[in-house]
Amino acid sequence: MKFLQPPGWHRPKGYSNGISAKGRLIFTAGVVGWDEEQRFAAADLPGQFRQLLLNTLAILAEDGADAHNIVRMTWYVVNRDDYVANLSVLGGIYRELIGRHYPTMAVVEVAALVEHQALIEIETIAVVPE
């Protein structure tokens, strides 16, 4: 995996500008913060985010991947202001579960998610070297 940082560009905070990787691709569906019984234990963004990351890591582990194999995450949030207000808390949860590995990311505010209790949904792409 090679992190792409053009010369003279400021290093982004919390994500990478680009990544080049070779290997087996793993794609997750849009993952939300419910448990294995599809119940939301948390009604707040940080609680759902924690569960969502645990769910994502469990999916990746099914094919031998872990957090360091993640190359891309697309985040969908229903409330940008809630996301911004919780950014430091979300960052702490991210570093606790993913570490200081920062894939390429995009965060998009959406009007709603299919699961009406969901406050955030994330799609993930990982590459496992062969």
C-alpha atoms as a PDB file:
ATOM      1  CA  MET A   1       0.000   0.000   0.000  1.00  0.00           C
ATOM      2  CA  LYS A   2       1.364   3.387  -0.964  1.00  0.00           C
ATOM      3  CA  PHE A   3      -0.045   6.636   0.421  1.00  0.00           C
ATOM      4  CA  LEU A   4      -0.144   9.347  -2.243  1.00  0.00           C
ATOM      5  CA  GLN A   5       0.882  12.794  -1.018  1.00  0.00           C
ATOM      6  CA  PRO A   6       1.757  15.273  -3.791  1.00  0.00           C
ATOM      7  CA  PRO A   7       4.833  17.408  -3.051  1.00  0.00           C
ATOM      8  CA  GLY A   8       4.047  20.733  -1.433  1.00  0.00           C
ATOM      9  CA  TRP A   9       0.490  19.771  -0.436  1.00  0.00           C
ATOM     10  CA  HIS A  10      -0.531  20.132   3.194  1.00  0.00           C
ATOM     11  CA  ARG A  11      -1.037  16.722   4.779  1.00  0.00           C
ATOM     12  CA  PRO A  12      -4.759  16.118   5.317  1.00  0.00           C
ATOM     13  CA  LYS A  13      -5.967  15.579   8.866  1.00  0.00           C
ATOM     14  CA  GLY A  14      -7.735  12.287   9.492  1.00  0.00           C
ATOM     15  CA  TYR A  15      -7.678  10.922   5.930  1.00  0.00           C
ATOM     16  CA  SER A  16      -5.349  10.396   2.961  1.00  0.00           C
ATOM     17  CA  ASN A  17      -5.459  12.131  -0.417  1.00  0.00           C
ATOM     18  CA  GLY A  18      -4.928   8.857  -2.237  1.00  0.00           C
ATOM     19  CA  ILE A  19      -3.755   5.290  -1.835  1.00  0.00           C
ATOM     20  CA  SER A  20      -2.345   2.849  -4.350  1.00  0.00           C
ATOM     21  CA  ALA A  21      -2.618  -0.852  -3.470  1.00  0.00           C
ATOM     22  CA  LYS A  22      -2.387  -4.325  -5.024  1.00  0.00           C
ATOM     23  CA  GLY A  23      -4.195  -7.418  -3.812  1.00  0.00           C
ATOM     24  CA  ARG A  24      -7.571  -8.976  -3.114  1.00  0.00           C
ATOM     25  CA  LEU A  25     -10.417  -6.448  -2.805  1.00  0.00           C
ATOM     26  CA  ILE A  26     -13.036  -6.589  -0.058  1.00  0.00           C
ATOM     27  CA  PHE A  27     -16.119  -4.360  -0.259  1.00  0.00           C
ATOM     28  CA  THR A  28     -18.614  -3.855   2.532  1.00  0.00           C
ATOM     29  CA  ALA A  29     -22.211  -2.852   2.103  1.00  0.00           C
ATOM     30  CA  GLY A  30     -23.371   0.317   3.776  1.00  0.00           C
ATOM     31  CA  VAL A  31     -22.839  -0.641   7.423  1.00  0.00           C
ATOM     32  CA  VAL A  32     -24.882   0.980  10.194  1.00  0.00           C
ATOM     33  CA  GLY A  33     -24.498   0.980  13.965  1.00  0.00           C
ATOM     34  CA  TRP A  34     -26.832  -1.825  14.925  1.00  0.00           C
ATOM     35  CA  ASP A  35     -25.943  -5.095  16.601  1.00  0.00           C
ATOM     36  CA  GLU A  36     -25.987  -8.606  15.111  1.00  0.00           C
ATOM     37  CA  GLU A  37     -29.750  -8.781  15.775  1.00  0.00           C
ATOM     38  CA  GLN A  38     -30.262  -5.549  13.812  1.00  0.00           C
ATOM     39  CA  ARG A  39     -31.112  -3.535  16.929  1.00  0.00           C
ATOM     40  CA  PHE A  40     -29.760  -0.072  17.655  1.00  0.00           C
ATOM     41  CA  ALA A  41     -28.426  -0.027  21.222  1.00  0.00           C
ATOM     42  CA  ALA A  42     -27.288   3.595  20.847  1.00  0.00           C
ATOM     43  CA  ALA A  43     -29.445   6.533  19.804  1.00  0.00           C
ATOM     44  CA  ASP A  44     -26.497   8.952  19.533  1.00  0.00           C
ATOM     45  CA  LEU A  45     -23.918   9.385  16.773  1.00  0.00           C
ATOM     46  CA  PRO A  46     -20.833   8.330  18.810  1.00  0.00           C
ATOM     47  CA  GLY A  47     -22.520   5.152  20.044  1.00  0.00           C
ATOM     48  CA  GLN A  48     -23.710   4.190  16.573  1.00  0.00           C
ATOM     49  CA  PHE A  49     -20.299   5.023  15.109  1.00  0.00           C
ATOM     50  CA  ARG A  50     -18.519   2.747  17.612  1.00  0.00           C
ATOM     51  CA  GLN A  51     -20.835  -0.162  16.784  1.00  0.00           C
ATOM     52  CA  LEU A  52     -20.544   0.549  13.055  1.00  0.00           C
ATOM     53  CA  LEU A  53     -16.740   0.316  13.197  1.00  0.00           C
ATOM     54  CA  LEU A  54     -16.923  -2.913  15.209  1.00  0.00           C
ATOM     55  CA  ASN A  55     -19.333  -4.300  12.596  1.00  0.00           C
ATOM     56  CA  THR A  56     -17.020  -3.256   9.767  1.00  0.00           C
ATOM     57  CA  LEU A  57     -13.992  -4.864  11.418  1.00  0.00           C
ATOM     58  CA  ALA A  58     -15.968  -8.091  11.948  1.00  0.00           C
ATOM     59  CA  ILE A  59     -16.936  -8.171   8.252  1.00  0.00           C
ATOM     60  CA  LEU A  60     -13.328  -7.571   7.142  1.00  0.00           C
ATOM     61  CA  ALA A  61     -12.048 -10.283   9.499  1.00  0.00           C
ATOM     62  CA  GLU A  62     -14.253 -12.820   7.699  1.00  0.00           C
ATOM     63  CA  ASP A  63     -11.748 -12.735   4.826  1.00  0.00           C
ATOM     64  CA  GLY A  64      -8.528 -12.164   6.747  1.00  0.00           C
ATOM     65  CA  ALA A  65      -8.472  -8.362   6.647  1.00  0.00           C
ATOM     66  CA  ASP A  66      -8.131  -5.832   9.436  1.00  0.00           C
ATOM     67  CA  ALA A  67      -8.199  -2.068   9.857  1.00  0.00           C
ATOM     68  CA  HIS A  68      -4.816  -1.589   8.174  1.00  0.00           C
ATOM     69  CA  ASN A  69      -6.161  -3.052   4.933  1.00  0.00           C
ATOM     70  CA  ILE A  70      -8.801  -0.316   4.564  1.00  0.00           C
ATOM     71  CA  VAL A  71      -8.141   1.950   1.568  1.00  0.00           C
ATOM     72  CA  ARG A  72     -11.481   3.763   1.201  1.00  0.00           C
ATOM     73  CA  MET A  73     -14.423   4.767   3.395  1.00  0.00           C
ATOM     74  CA  THR A  74     -17.501   6.692   2.307  1.00  0.00           C
ATOM     75  CA  TRP A  75     -19.464   8.071   5.246  1.00  0.00           C
ATOM     76  CA  TYR A  76     -23.111   9.101   4.996  1.00  0.00           C
ATOM     77  CA  VAL A  77     -24.418  11.210   7.894  1.00  0.00           C
ATOM     78  CA  VAL A  78     -27.948  12.495   8.371  1.00  0.00           C
ATOM     79  CA  ASN A  79     -26.871  15.622  10.238  1.00  0.00           C
ATOM     80  CA  ARG A  80     -23.687  17.476   9.336  1.00  0.00           C
ATOM     81  CA  ASP A  81     -23.929  19.707  12.420  1.00  0.00           C
ATOM     82  CA  ASP A  82     -24.133  16.647  14.713  1.00  0.00           C
ATOM     83  CA  TYR A  83     -21.124  15.170  12.894  1.00  0.00           C
ATOM     84  CA  VAL A  84     -19.065  18.367  13.290  1.00  0.00           C
ATOM     85  CA  ALA A  85     -20.092  18.788  16.945  1.00  0.00           C
ATOM     86  CA  ASN A  86     -18.929  15.214  17.691  1.00  0.00           C
ATOM     87  CA  LEU A  87     -15.802  15.228  15.522  1.00  0.00           C
ATOM     88  CA  SER A  88     -13.310  14.969  18.396  1.00  0.00           C
ATOM     89  CA  VAL A  89     -15.288  12.137  20.023  1.00  0.00           C
ATOM     90  CA  LEU A  90     -15.594  10.318  16.688  1.00  0.00           C
ATOM     91  CA  GLY A  91     -11.860  10.786  16.127  1.00  0.00           C
ATOM     92  CA  GLY A  92     -11.115   9.216  19.508  1.00  0.00           C
ATOM     93  CA  ILE A  93     -13.342   6.218  18.759  1.00  0.00           C
ATOM     94  CA  TYR A  94     -11.765   5.884  15.312  1.00  0.00           C
ATOM     95  CA  ARG A  95      -8.210   5.882  16.719  1.00  0.00           C
ATOM     96  CA  GLU A  96      -9.202   3.422  19.461  1.00  0.00           C
ATOM     97  CA  LEU A  97     -10.621   0.889  16.979  1.00  0.00           C
ATOM     98  CA  ILE A  98      -8.798   1.605  13.699  1.00  0.00           C
ATOM     99  CA  GLY A  99      -5.596   3.171  15.001  1.00  0.00           C
ATOM    100  CA  ARG A 100      -3.688   5.879  13.185  1.00  0.00           C
ATOM    101  CA  HIS A 101      -4.406   4.384   9.783  1.00  0.00           C
ATOM    102  CA  TYR A 102      -6.107   6.963   7.570  1.00  0.00           C
ATOM    103  CA  PRO A 103      -7.564   5.701   4.275  1.00  0.00           C
ATOM    104  CA  THR A 104      -9.131   7.888   1.647  1.00  0.00           C
ATOM    105  CA  MET A 105     -12.487   9.158   2.901  1.00  0.00           C
ATOM    106  CA  ALA A 106     -15.492  11.212   1.931  1.00  0.00           C
ATOM    107  CA  VAL A 107     -18.256  12.384   4.268  1.00  0.00           C
ATOM    108  CA  VAL A 108     -21.629  13.183   2.705  1.00  0.00           C
ATOM    109  CA  GLU A 109     -24.711  14.601   4.409  1.00  0.00           C
ATOM    110  CA  VAL A 110     -27.876  12.844   3.267  1.00  0.00           C
ATOM    111  CA  ALA A 111     -31.544  13.614   3.913  1.00  0.00           C
ATOM    112  CA  ALA A 112     -32.153  10.166   5.397  1.00  0.00           C
ATOM    113  CA  LEU A 113     -30.876   6.605   5.505  1.00  0.00           C
ATOM    114  CA  VAL A 114     -32.987   3.536   4.738  1.00  0.00           C
ATOM    115  CA  GLU A 115     -32.764   2.431   8.389  1.00  0.00           C
ATOM    116  CA  HIS A 116     -34.654   5.328   9.944  1.00  0.00           C
ATOM    117  CA  GLN A 117     -32.861   5.031  13.329  1.00  0.00           C
ATOM    118  CA  ALA A 118     -29.431   5.148  11.690  1.00  0.00           C
ATOM    119  CA  LEU A 119     -27.503   8.392  12.039  1.00  0.00           C
ATOM    120  CA  ILE A 120     -24.504   7.228  10.020  1.00  0.00           C
ATOM    121  CA  GLU A 121     -23.725   4.592   7.396  1.00  0.00           C
ATOM    122  CA  ILE A 122     -20.275   3.751   6.021  1.00  0.00           C
ATOM    123  CA  GLU A 123     -19.153   1.778   2.970  1.00  0.00           C
ATOM    124  CA  THR A 124     -15.614   0.411   3.150  1.00  0.00           C
ATOM    125  CA  ILE A 125     -13.113  -0.949   0.637  1.00  0.00           C
ATOM    126  CA  ALA A 126     -10.091  -2.930   1.814  1.00  0.00           C
ATOM    127  CA  VAL A 127      -7.171  -4.467  -0.074  1.00  0.00           C
ATOM    128  CA  VAL A 128      -5.432  -7.572   1.253  1.00  0.00           C
ATOM    129  CA  PRO A 129      -1.982  -8.206  -0.262  1.00  0.00           C
ATOM    130  CA  GLU A 130      -1.644 -11.575  -1.971  1.00  0.00           C
END
